[in-house]
Amino acid sequence: MRPVAFGEALPAGTRLTLFSDDKPDRFFTVISFWLDETSGVALELKTGVPSYQVEDEEGRTHLLIHVPIEEEN
């Protein structure tokens, strides 16, 4: 297993582990990956929003997205 940056194009079937300091690790399998240009426009971003459709260990489908949060001045 190797670390990946969010937004890296991963093929279907790739296993992901999300690590968190305050929650247990979560395990997913990638169903599909895409850059969602529509969400990027709606969120006033210049580029698409990286998105993964994944399945958890219990067979539930999730959408993982990463939207940068701007720091307040």
Protein backbone atom coordinates (compact mmCIF):
# COMPACT_ATOMS: atom_id res chain seq x y z
CA MET A 1 0.00 0.00 0.00
CA ARG A 2 1.22 3.53 -0.78
CA PRO A 3 -0.03 6.99 0.15
CA VAL A 4 -1.90 8.86 -2.59
CA ALA A 5 -2.87 12.49 -2.92
CA PHE A 6 -6.58 13.22 -3.07
CA GLY A 7 -7.40 13.76 -6.72
CA GLU A 8 -5.02 11.13 -8.08
CA ALA A 9 -6.83 9.16 -10.76
CA LEU A 10 -7.27 5.67 -9.34
CA PRO A 11 -8.68 2.73 -11.29
CA ALA A 12 -11.84 0.91 -10.22
CA GLY A 13 -11.12 -1.78 -7.65
CA THR A 14 -8.35 0.17 -5.89
CA ARG A 15 -8.57 -0.18 -2.10
CA LEU A 16 -8.40 3.05 -0.07
CA THR A 17 -7.88 3.61 3.62
CA LEU A 18 -8.86 6.99 5.08
CA PHE A 19 -6.97 7.83 8.26
CA SER A 20 -8.29 10.18 10.92
CA ASP A 21 -6.91 11.37 14.25
CA ASP A 22 -10.30 11.31 15.96
CA LYS A 23 -12.10 8.41 14.20
CA PRO A 24 -11.27 4.81 13.31
CA ASP A 25 -9.67 4.13 9.92
CA ARG A 26 -12.22 3.67 7.12
CA PHE A 27 -11.76 1.25 4.24
CA PHE A 28 -13.21 1.75 0.75
CA THR A 29 -12.99 0.31 -2.75
CA VAL A 30 -12.99 2.75 -5.68
CA ILE A 31 -15.91 2.34 -8.08
CA SER A 32 -15.02 5.34 -10.27
CA PHE A 33 -13.01 8.57 -10.29
CA TRP A 34 -13.70 11.81 -12.14
CA LEU A 35 -13.10 15.55 -12.07
CA ASP A 36 -16.54 17.10 -11.69
CA GLU A 37 -16.44 20.33 -13.71
CA THR A 38 -20.08 21.17 -12.83
CA SER A 39 -19.37 21.17 -9.09
CA GLY A 40 -16.26 23.22 -9.72
CA VAL A 41 -18.33 25.92 -11.43
CA ALA A 42 -21.04 25.79 -8.74
CA LEU A 43 -18.41 26.17 -6.02
CA GLU A 44 -16.69 29.00 -7.94
CA LEU A 45 -13.49 27.00 -8.39
CA LYS A 46 -11.37 27.39 -11.49
CA THR A 47 -10.93 23.64 -11.91
CA GLY A 48 -13.03 20.56 -11.48
CA VAL A 49 -13.60 18.93 -8.14
CA PRO A 50 -11.88 15.53 -7.73
CA SER A 51 -14.50 12.94 -6.83
CA TYR A 52 -14.39 9.24 -6.02
CA GLN A 53 -17.44 7.01 -5.97
CA VAL A 54 -16.53 4.29 -3.47
CA GLU A 55 -18.05 1.33 -1.68
CA ASP A 56 -17.43 0.70 2.02
CA GLU A 57 -16.94 -2.66 3.71
CA GLU A 58 -20.69 -3.01 4.26
CA GLY A 59 -21.54 -2.46 0.58
CA ARG A 60 -22.76 1.13 0.98
CA THR A 61 -21.87 3.61 -1.78
CA HIS A 62 -20.30 6.97 -0.91
CA LEU A 63 -19.07 10.00 -2.83
CA LEU A 64 -15.73 11.35 -1.62
CA ILE A 65 -14.95 14.89 -2.70
CA HIS A 66 -12.26 17.35 -1.71
CA VAL A 67 -13.13 21.02 -1.71
CA PRO A 68 -10.43 23.39 -0.50
CA ILE A 69 -11.48 25.54 2.42
CA GLU A 70 -10.18 29.06 2.16
CA GLU A 71 -8.54 30.42 5.25
CA GLU A 72 -10.15 33.47 6.81
CA ASN A 73 -7.99 36.56 7.08
